[in-house]
Amino acid sequence: MTDDSQDNTRTTAQAWVAGSDAPEKSALNLGFMALTDSASLIVAATQGFAQPYGLTLNLQRQASWASLRDKLLTRELDAAQALYGQVYGIHLGLGGPACEMAILMGLCQNGQAINLSEPLKRAGMTTPEALASCVRQSGAKLTFAQTFPTGTHAMWLNYWLASHGIHPLHDVNTVVVPPAQMLAHLKAARIDGFCAGGPWGALAVEQGQGFTIATSQMIWADHPEKVLGVTHEFVERYPNTARALTMAVLEASRFIDASTENQRSTAQLISGSEYIDAPLSAILPRFLGQYQDGLGNAWHDRHPLRFHAEGAANMPYLSDGLWFMTQFRRWGLLRDDPDYLGIAQQVQQLELYREAASALGIAVPATPMRSATLLDGKVWDGSDPAGYARSFALHALADAPQSLAL
């Protein structure tokens, strides 16, 4: 950060931490997973971005998304890196008791990957078409792993498979595996592929254990991914703390994306044993949008992992929350259509985000909806979620709800 930006941050912070605006709770336990896209939380906690807002952030690495959820709900964690769909699944009571949840901000866009195993590579299953043909002709089902039943990786995997004519609930088996355990399962041939965040896809390629057949940004360019999640009770009890935390993480996010030098230093930081505990060589390239797929192809991605993107990666768009609920409905996780918009308005903390972003000079979009065209050509704009959920050729709307016990 420049001296001018430090001065501006200090002035802004002092305006919020004085008197009645001071954080009600100053020491927070902040949960994160060993993933590249936990970077903004690690930077906020360790590089001096929280202290100006009157906060101390105690980072606590979690072993799985299920344990992170449980500790958030038992208040062992105050806030956490969370999967977008995971927050909505908890709010809706999918797989456990319902608990009102809140999303303070988005943490990132893009950066996830679908990897297949070396045996599938040797068998020529290196294109979606070849994989679909194999699935149709094979008597035995392939097994794919994702990281949490209502999480982003489950939804990316489902969407990608279905876009290529493979029904994710009938044509293949899926299992839940914590992201850091994906490579062990792949090596042991317990799974044929997985969808997870970095660095695990890149590390599979680096170690010759698999190849990347698709990135998540191929499914939806600049898609929503991880979020800063808290219980709704936390926002109600500690509104100033919630705003201060949002501002600290926003500052850290802006810092990371500000320059290649900042990205490199951040990648070096998070590779450490107390954070991701993975080689820098598996973190930095995809951190910078430099991809190799293990099939001899290399490219610079136009939609790399982004932590800020002038605020676009952080805005808690209503339409982003709505999309995950449409996928829950599509795949039978919800038996009926929920009050899509009403629920999104409860979960997405738009007013709090506007306050935090405006105080930092970060542009806030005029509308909480955004539009995108996904892999299969379908346009999503949030205008008709119920109709969108029913519009797919492959779905499970008539099926009994899936078991989500975890």
Protein backbone atom coordinates (compact mmCIF):
# COMPACT_ATOMS: atom_id res chain seq x y z
CA MET A 1 0.00 0.00 0.00
CA THR A 2 1.16 3.55 -0.67
CA ASP A 3 1.51 6.11 2.08
CA ASP A 4 -1.51 8.01 0.72
CA SER A 5 -3.70 4.91 0.74
CA GLN A 6 -2.55 4.08 4.28
CA ASP A 7 -3.48 7.60 5.42
CA ASN A 8 -6.88 7.35 3.75
CA THR A 9 -7.51 3.97 5.33
CA ARG A 10 -6.49 5.26 8.75
CA THR A 11 -8.84 8.25 8.47
CA THR A 12 -11.74 6.06 7.34
CA ALA A 13 -11.10 3.51 10.07
CA GLN A 14 -10.98 6.14 12.80
CA ALA A 15 -14.36 7.44 11.65
CA TRP A 16 -15.88 4.00 12.16
CA VAL A 17 -14.19 2.81 15.36
CA ALA A 18 -14.87 5.93 17.44
CA GLY A 19 -17.66 6.18 20.00
CA SER A 20 -20.91 4.43 19.16
CA ASP A 21 -19.47 3.08 15.89
CA ALA A 22 -16.77 1.07 17.67
CA PRO A 23 -16.86 -2.71 17.14
CA GLU A 24 -18.98 -4.38 19.80
CA LYS A 25 -16.63 -7.38 19.68
CA SER A 26 -12.99 -6.76 18.89
CA ALA A 27 -11.44 -10.26 18.83
CA LEU A 28 -12.91 -12.60 16.24
CA ASN A 29 -12.29 -16.24 15.44
CA LEU A 30 -12.16 -16.48 11.66
CA GLY A 31 -12.46 -19.86 9.97
CA PHE A 32 -10.82 -20.71 6.68
CA MET A 33 -9.95 -23.70 4.53
CA ALA A 34 -6.59 -24.63 3.02
CA LEU A 35 -7.48 -23.09 -0.33
CA THR A 36 -5.94 -20.43 -2.55
CA ASP A 37 -9.11 -18.35 -2.35
CA SER A 38 -8.77 -17.94 1.42
CA ALA A 39 -6.09 -15.33 0.63
CA SER A 40 -8.04 -12.18 1.49
CA LEU A 41 -8.84 -13.46 4.98
CA ILE A 42 -5.23 -14.45 5.61
CA VAL A 43 -3.97 -11.08 4.35
CA ALA A 44 -6.56 -9.17 6.39
CA ALA A 45 -5.61 -11.03 9.56
CA THR A 46 -1.82 -10.97 9.21
CA GLN A 47 -0.86 -7.88 7.23
CA GLY A 48 -2.30 -5.09 9.36
CA PHE A 49 -5.65 -4.59 7.64
CA ALA A 50 -7.82 -5.44 10.66
CA GLN A 51 -6.18 -3.38 13.40
CA PRO A 52 -7.20 0.05 12.03
CA TYR A 53 -10.81 -1.09 12.35
CA GLY A 54 -10.38 -2.09 15.98
CA LEU A 55 -10.28 -5.81 15.24
CA THR A 56 -8.02 -8.75 15.98
CA LEU A 57 -8.65 -11.69 13.65
CA ASN A 58 -7.67 -15.11 14.96
CA LEU A 59 -7.33 -17.41 11.96
CA GLN A 60 -8.46 -21.01 12.48
CA ARG A 61 -7.86 -23.50 9.67
CA GLN A 62 -10.60 -26.09 9.28
CA ALA A 63 -10.33 -29.69 8.07
CA SER A 64 -13.60 -29.80 6.14
CA TRP A 65 -16.53 -27.65 5.12
CA ALA A 66 -18.73 -29.69 7.46
CA SER A 67 -16.57 -28.91 10.48
CA LEU A 68 -16.42 -25.25 9.47
CA ARG A 69 -20.23 -25.18 9.31
CA ASP A 70 -20.60 -26.85 12.70
CA LYS A 71 -18.19 -24.47 14.42
CA LEU A 72 -19.88 -21.46 12.85
CA LEU A 73 -23.27 -22.62 14.11
CA THR A 74 -21.99 -23.39 17.62
CA ARG A 75 -20.36 -19.92 17.72
CA GLU A 76 -16.87 -21.39 18.05
CA LEU A 77 -16.19 -19.37 14.90
CA ASP A 78 -17.50 -15.82 14.60
CA ALA A 79 -17.15 -15.64 10.83
CA ALA A 80 -15.72 -17.82 8.11
CA GLN A 81 -14.78 -18.30 4.51
CA ALA A 82 -17.78 -20.21 3.19
CA LEU A 83 -19.05 -21.75 -0.01
CA TYR A 84 -21.79 -19.57 -1.50
CA GLY A 85 -24.29 -22.39 -1.75
CA GLN A 86 -23.31 -23.72 1.66
CA VAL A 87 -24.60 -20.56 3.34
CA TYR A 88 -27.93 -20.87 1.56
CA GLY A 89 -28.14 -24.58 2.35
CA ILE A 90 -27.74 -23.84 6.06
CA HIS A 91 -30.28 -21.02 5.89
CA LEU A 92 -32.80 -23.34 4.20
CA GLY A 93 -32.16 -26.25 6.56
CA LEU A 94 -30.82 -28.60 3.90
CA GLY A 95 -28.99 -31.48 5.57
CA GLY A 96 -29.49 -30.18 9.11
CA PRO A 97 -31.41 -27.74 11.29
CA ALA A 98 -32.07 -24.39 9.65
CA CYS A 99 -30.15 -21.39 10.95
CA GLU A 100 -30.62 -17.87 9.64
CA MET A 101 -27.42 -16.90 7.87
CA ALA A 102 -25.85 -13.77 6.40
CA ILE A 103 -23.35 -13.06 3.64
CA LEU A 104 -21.31 -9.94 4.31
CA MET A 105 -19.45 -9.91 0.98
CA GLY A 106 -18.06 -12.07 -1.76
CA LEU A 107 -14.45 -13.18 -1.33
CA CYS A 108 -13.61 -14.12 -4.90
CA GLN A 109 -14.65 -15.07 -8.39
CA ASN A 110 -13.45 -17.95 -10.61
CA GLY A 111 -10.50 -20.24 -9.87
CA GLN A 112 -12.03 -23.71 -9.35
CA ALA A 113 -11.39 -26.77 -11.51
CA ILE A 114 -12.75 -30.15 -12.56
CA ASN A 115 -9.95 -32.71 -12.75
CA LEU A 116 -10.03 -36.27 -14.04
CA SER A 117 -7.67 -39.11 -13.21
CA GLU A 118 -4.63 -40.40 -15.08
CA PRO A 119 -6.37 -43.72 -15.87
CA LEU A 120 -9.14 -41.78 -17.64
CA LYS A 121 -6.48 -39.79 -19.48
CA ARG A 122 -4.79 -42.99 -20.66
CA ALA A 123 -8.19 -44.30 -21.76
CA GLY A 124 -8.67 -41.24 -23.95
CA MET A 125 -11.36 -39.58 -21.80
CA THR A 126 -9.79 -36.16 -22.35
CA THR A 127 -12.80 -34.32 -23.79
CA PRO A 128 -16.36 -33.90 -22.52
CA GLU A 129 -17.62 -35.78 -25.57
CA ALA A 130 -15.37 -38.77 -24.92
CA LEU A 131 -16.37 -38.79 -21.25
CA ALA A 132 -20.08 -38.67 -22.12
CA SER A 133 -19.65 -41.53 -24.57
CA CYS A 134 -17.84 -43.57 -21.94
CA VAL A 135 -20.58 -42.94 -19.37
CA ARG A 136 -23.29 -44.01 -21.80
CA GLN A 137 -21.49 -47.19 -22.84
CA SER A 138 -20.02 -48.28 -19.53
CA GLY A 139 -21.86 -50.59 -17.21
CA ALA A 140 -19.95 -49.29 -14.20
CA LYS A 141 -20.51 -45.76 -12.96
CA LEU A 142 -17.60 -43.37 -12.60
CA THR A 143 -17.21 -41.71 -9.20
CA PHE A 144 -16.65 -37.97 -8.85
CA ALA A 145 -15.94 -36.01 -5.68
CA GLN A 146 -17.10 -32.57 -4.66
CA THR A 147 -16.56 -30.75 -1.40
CA PHE A 148 -20.02 -30.18 0.16
CA PRO A 149 -23.53 -31.21 -0.93
CA THR A 150 -24.91 -27.68 -1.30
CA GLY A 151 -21.56 -26.06 -2.06
CA THR A 152 -20.28 -24.40 -5.18
CA HIS A 153 -18.26 -27.41 -6.33
CA ALA A 154 -21.28 -29.70 -6.27
CA MET A 155 -23.18 -27.16 -8.37
CA TRP A 156 -20.31 -26.60 -10.85
CA LEU A 157 -19.83 -30.35 -11.25
CA ASN A 158 -23.55 -30.95 -11.73
CA TYR A 159 -23.88 -28.11 -14.20
CA TRP A 160 -20.86 -29.16 -16.25
CA LEU A 161 -21.88 -32.81 -16.41
CA ALA A 162 -25.46 -31.96 -17.34
CA SER A 163 -24.31 -29.51 -20.02
CA HIS A 164 -22.64 -32.47 -21.71
CA GLY A 165 -25.60 -34.80 -21.39
CA ILE A 166 -24.46 -36.64 -18.26
CA HIS A 167 -27.07 -36.71 -15.49
CA PRO A 168 -25.13 -36.08 -12.26
CA LEU A 169 -27.63 -37.98 -10.10
CA HIS A 170 -28.24 -41.01 -12.30
CA ASP A 171 -25.29 -41.53 -14.65
CA VAL A 172 -22.40 -41.19 -12.17
CA ASN A 173 -21.74 -41.55 -8.46
CA THR A 174 -20.74 -38.53 -6.40
CA VAL A 175 -19.09 -38.43 -3.00
CA VAL A 176 -18.07 -35.66 -0.59
CA VAL A 177 -14.34 -35.26 0.06
CA PRO A 178 -12.59 -32.34 1.82
CA PRO A 179 -10.53 -30.40 -0.73
CA ALA A 180 -7.12 -31.16 0.78
CA GLN A 181 -7.88 -34.91 0.58
CA MET A 182 -8.77 -34.96 -3.13
CA LEU A 183 -5.31 -36.02 -4.32
CA ALA A 184 -5.08 -38.89 -1.85
CA HIS A 185 -8.43 -40.21 -3.04
CA LEU A 186 -7.39 -39.78 -6.67
CA LYS A 187 -4.09 -41.61 -6.11
CA ALA A 188 -5.87 -44.45 -4.33
CA ALA A 189 -8.34 -44.77 -7.23
CA ARG A 190 -11.27 -44.21 -4.88
CA ILE A 191 -12.49 -41.48 -7.24
CA ASP A 192 -12.22 -40.89 -10.99
CA GLY A 193 -12.25 -37.11 -10.77
CA PHE A 194 -13.10 -34.16 -8.58
CA CYS A 195 -14.21 -30.56 -8.52
CA ALA A 196 -12.43 -28.35 -5.99
CA GLY A 197 -10.68 -25.05 -5.49
CA GLY A 198 -6.99 -24.38 -5.85
CA PRO A 199 -4.32 -25.43 -5.38
CA TRP A 200 -5.54 -29.02 -5.53
CA GLY A 201 -6.36 -29.16 -9.24
CA ALA A 202 -3.01 -27.66 -10.19
CA LEU A 203 -1.18 -29.94 -7.77
CA ALA A 204 -2.84 -33.00 -9.34
CA VAL A 205 -1.46 -31.87 -12.71
CA GLU A 206 1.96 -31.09 -11.25
CA GLN A 207 2.21 -34.52 -9.61
CA GLY A 208 0.97 -36.38 -12.68
CA GLN A 209 -2.14 -37.57 -10.88
CA GLY A 210 -4.70 -36.10 -13.25
CA PHE A 211 -5.61 -33.37 -15.70
CA THR A 212 -7.90 -30.37 -15.73
CA ILE A 213 -10.78 -30.97 -18.12
CA ALA A 214 -12.63 -27.75 -17.22
CA THR A 215 -12.28 -24.68 -15.08
CA SER A 216 -15.23 -23.18 -13.27
CA GLN A 217 -14.87 -19.96 -15.26
CA MET A 218 -15.50 -22.03 -18.39
CA ILE A 219 -18.89 -22.82 -16.88
CA TRP A 220 -19.65 -19.24 -15.80
CA ALA A 221 -17.13 -16.48 -16.44
CA ASP A 222 -16.66 -14.38 -13.28
CA HIS A 223 -18.96 -16.60 -11.25
CA PRO A 224 -19.51 -16.13 -7.51
CA GLU A 225 -17.49 -18.50 -5.35
CA LYS A 226 -16.49 -18.10 -1.69
CA VAL A 227 -18.14 -15.59 0.67
CA LEU A 228 -17.60 -14.10 4.09
CA GLY A 229 -20.33 -15.86 6.05
CA VAL A 230 -21.76 -15.28 9.51
CA THR A 231 -24.96 -16.15 11.30
CA HIS A 232 -27.73 -13.57 11.08
CA GLU A 233 -27.57 -13.38 14.86
CA PHE A 234 -23.98 -12.14 14.59
CA VAL A 235 -25.02 -9.23 12.38
CA GLU A 236 -27.88 -8.35 14.73
CA ARG A 237 -25.73 -8.49 17.88
CA TYR A 238 -22.57 -6.94 16.44
CA PRO A 239 -23.51 -4.67 13.51
CA ASN A 240 -20.47 -2.41 13.92
CA THR A 241 -18.20 -5.44 14.12
CA ALA A 242 -19.75 -6.89 10.97
CA ARG A 243 -19.16 -3.63 9.12
CA ALA A 244 -15.59 -3.32 10.43
CA LEU A 245 -14.82 -6.90 9.40
CA THR A 246 -16.22 -6.26 5.94
CA MET A 247 -14.08 -3.15 5.56
CA ALA A 248 -10.92 -4.93 6.67
CA VAL A 249 -11.44 -7.80 4.23
CA LEU A 250 -12.41 -5.39 1.46
CA GLU A 251 -9.14 -3.52 1.99
CA ALA A 252 -7.18 -6.77 1.87
CA SER A 253 -9.01 -7.88 -1.27
CA ARG A 254 -8.25 -4.59 -3.00
CA PHE A 255 -4.61 -4.86 -1.98
CA ILE A 256 -4.18 -8.35 -3.47
CA ASP A 257 -5.59 -7.39 -6.87
CA ALA A 258 -3.77 -4.04 -7.00
CA SER A 259 -0.58 -5.39 -8.62
CA THR A 260 1.21 -8.50 -9.78
CA GLU A 261 3.77 -7.87 -7.04
CA ASN A 262 1.01 -8.01 -4.42
CA GLN A 263 -0.36 -11.20 -5.95
CA ARG A 264 3.05 -12.83 -5.85
CA SER A 265 3.74 -11.84 -2.25
CA THR A 266 0.27 -13.02 -1.24
CA ALA A 267 0.77 -16.37 -2.96
CA GLN A 268 4.07 -16.77 -1.10
CA LEU A 269 2.39 -15.93 2.22
CA ILE A 270 -0.53 -18.32 1.89
CA SER A 271 1.63 -21.24 0.72
CA GLY A 272 3.04 -21.52 4.25
CA SER A 273 2.45 -24.57 6.44
CA GLU A 274 0.04 -22.76 8.75
CA TYR A 275 -2.24 -21.78 5.85
CA ILE A 276 -2.44 -23.88 2.65
CA ASP A 277 0.73 -25.91 3.16
CA ALA A 278 1.27 -26.50 -0.55
CA PRO A 279 4.08 -25.74 -3.03
CA LEU A 280 4.15 -22.21 -4.39
CA SER A 281 4.43 -23.76 -7.87
CA ALA A 282 0.87 -25.10 -7.50
CA ILE A 283 -0.50 -21.79 -6.20
CA LEU A 284 1.10 -18.90 -8.03
CA PRO A 285 0.48 -19.79 -11.71
CA ARG A 286 -3.28 -20.22 -11.42
CA PHE A 287 -3.32 -17.35 -8.93
CA LEU A 288 -2.04 -15.26 -11.86
CA GLY A 289 -4.33 -16.94 -14.39
CA GLN A 290 -1.56 -19.06 -15.92
CA TYR A 291 -2.93 -22.52 -16.68
CA GLN A 292 -1.57 -25.88 -17.79
CA ASP A 293 -4.10 -28.67 -18.03
CA GLY A 294 -1.86 -31.74 -18.01
CA LEU A 295 -2.74 -32.47 -21.63
CA GLY A 296 -0.06 -30.28 -23.15
CA ASN A 297 -2.18 -27.14 -23.30
CA ALA A 298 -1.18 -23.86 -21.65
CA TRP A 299 -2.98 -20.54 -21.67
CA HIS A 300 -3.50 -17.26 -19.84
CA ASP A 301 -7.04 -17.18 -18.57
CA ARG A 302 -9.07 -14.03 -19.25
CA HIS A 303 -11.13 -14.75 -16.14
CA PRO A 304 -8.58 -15.61 -13.45
CA LEU A 305 -9.13 -15.93 -9.73
CA ARG A 306 -10.07 -12.43 -8.61
CA PHE A 307 -10.38 -11.13 -5.08
CA HIS A 308 -11.62 -7.62 -5.80
CA ALA A 309 -12.01 -6.73 -9.50
CA GLU A 310 -12.89 -3.11 -8.63
CA GLY A 311 -15.51 -4.44 -6.22
CA ALA A 312 -17.26 -6.77 -8.68
CA ALA A 313 -15.93 -9.84 -6.86
CA ASN A 314 -17.11 -8.55 -3.49
CA MET A 315 -20.62 -7.24 -4.21
CA PRO A 316 -23.21 -9.61 -2.64
CA TYR A 317 -25.48 -9.60 -5.68
CA LEU A 318 -28.98 -10.85 -5.01
CA SER A 319 -28.91 -12.69 -8.33
CA ASP A 320 -25.88 -14.72 -7.22
CA GLY A 321 -27.74 -16.03 -4.18
CA LEU A 322 -30.84 -16.69 -6.28
CA TRP A 323 -28.84 -18.81 -8.73
CA PHE A 324 -27.72 -21.31 -6.12
CA MET A 325 -31.29 -21.76 -4.95
CA THR A 326 -32.39 -22.46 -8.53
CA GLN A 327 -29.81 -25.23 -8.68
CA PHE A 328 -31.02 -26.67 -5.37
CA ARG A 329 -34.50 -26.77 -6.90
CA ARG A 330 -33.22 -28.17 -10.19
CA TRP A 331 -31.48 -31.10 -8.51
CA GLY A 332 -34.21 -31.97 -6.01
CA LEU A 333 -32.56 -30.53 -2.92
CA LEU A 334 -35.69 -28.40 -2.56
CA ARG A 335 -39.07 -30.08 -3.07
CA ASP A 336 -40.84 -26.78 -3.79
CA ASP A 337 -39.90 -23.35 -5.03
CA PRO A 338 -38.81 -21.17 -2.11
CA ASP A 339 -39.42 -17.45 -1.81
CA TYR A 340 -36.34 -16.89 -3.93
CA LEU A 341 -36.10 -13.11 -3.72
CA GLY A 342 -37.27 -12.84 -0.13
CA ILE A 343 -34.65 -15.31 1.07
CA ALA A 344 -31.86 -13.65 -0.91
CA GLN A 345 -32.81 -10.29 0.58
CA GLN A 346 -32.54 -11.81 4.06
CA VAL A 347 -29.15 -13.42 3.48
CA GLN A 348 -27.30 -10.83 1.37
CA GLN A 349 -26.29 -7.95 3.62
CA LEU A 350 -26.56 -5.31 0.92
CA GLU A 351 -26.94 -2.23 3.10
CA LEU A 352 -24.02 -3.16 5.31
CA TYR A 353 -21.88 -3.82 2.25
CA ARG A 354 -22.88 -0.50 0.69
CA GLU A 355 -21.81 1.33 3.85
CA ALA A 356 -18.45 -0.43 3.98
CA ALA A 357 -17.68 -0.10 0.28
CA SER A 358 -18.78 3.53 0.04
CA ALA A 359 -16.61 4.48 3.00
CA LEU A 360 -13.62 2.97 1.17
CA GLY A 361 -14.39 4.61 -2.16
CA ILE A 362 -15.30 1.29 -3.79
CA ALA A 363 -17.99 1.57 -6.43
CA VAL A 364 -21.29 -0.16 -5.63
CA PRO A 365 -23.38 -1.29 -8.64
CA ALA A 366 -26.67 0.50 -9.08
CA THR A 367 -28.59 -2.77 -9.16
CA PRO A 368 -28.17 -5.91 -7.03
CA MET A 369 -28.84 -8.08 -10.09
CA ARG A 370 -26.38 -9.05 -12.80
CA SER A 371 -26.60 -11.07 -15.99
CA ALA A 372 -24.40 -13.84 -17.40
CA THR A 373 -24.45 -16.46 -20.13
CA LEU A 374 -23.32 -19.86 -18.89
CA LEU A 375 -21.63 -22.79 -20.61
CA ASP A 376 -24.80 -24.19 -22.16
CA GLY A 377 -25.89 -20.85 -23.59
CA LYS A 378 -28.55 -20.19 -20.95
CA VAL A 379 -28.80 -16.60 -19.76
CA TRP A 380 -29.16 -15.98 -16.03
CA ASP A 381 -30.34 -12.59 -14.83
CA GLY A 382 -32.36 -13.40 -11.72
CA SER A 383 -35.66 -12.27 -13.20
CA ASP A 384 -37.49 -15.64 -13.15
CA PRO A 385 -35.77 -18.09 -10.83
CA ALA A 386 -38.62 -20.61 -10.72
CA GLY A 387 -38.86 -20.70 -14.52
CA TYR A 388 -35.08 -20.93 -14.85
CA ALA A 389 -34.92 -23.95 -12.52
CA ARG A 390 -37.49 -25.73 -14.71
CA SER A 391 -35.91 -24.77 -18.03
CA PHE A 392 -33.16 -27.39 -18.18
CA ALA A 393 -33.35 -30.56 -20.23
CA LEU A 394 -31.63 -32.46 -17.42
CA HIS A 395 -32.99 -31.92 -13.93
CA ALA A 396 -34.43 -33.80 -10.95
CA LEU A 397 -37.45 -31.66 -10.10
CA ALA A 398 -39.71 -34.70 -9.84
CA ASP A 399 -37.27 -36.74 -7.76
CA ALA A 400 -37.44 -37.14 -4.02
CA PRO A 401 -35.12 -34.71 -2.22
CA GLN A 402 -31.56 -35.97 -1.90
CA SER A 403 -30.09 -37.03 1.40
CA LEU A 404 -27.64 -34.43 2.58
CA ALA A 405 -26.51 -35.90 5.87
CA LEU A 406 -22.90 -34.95 6.43
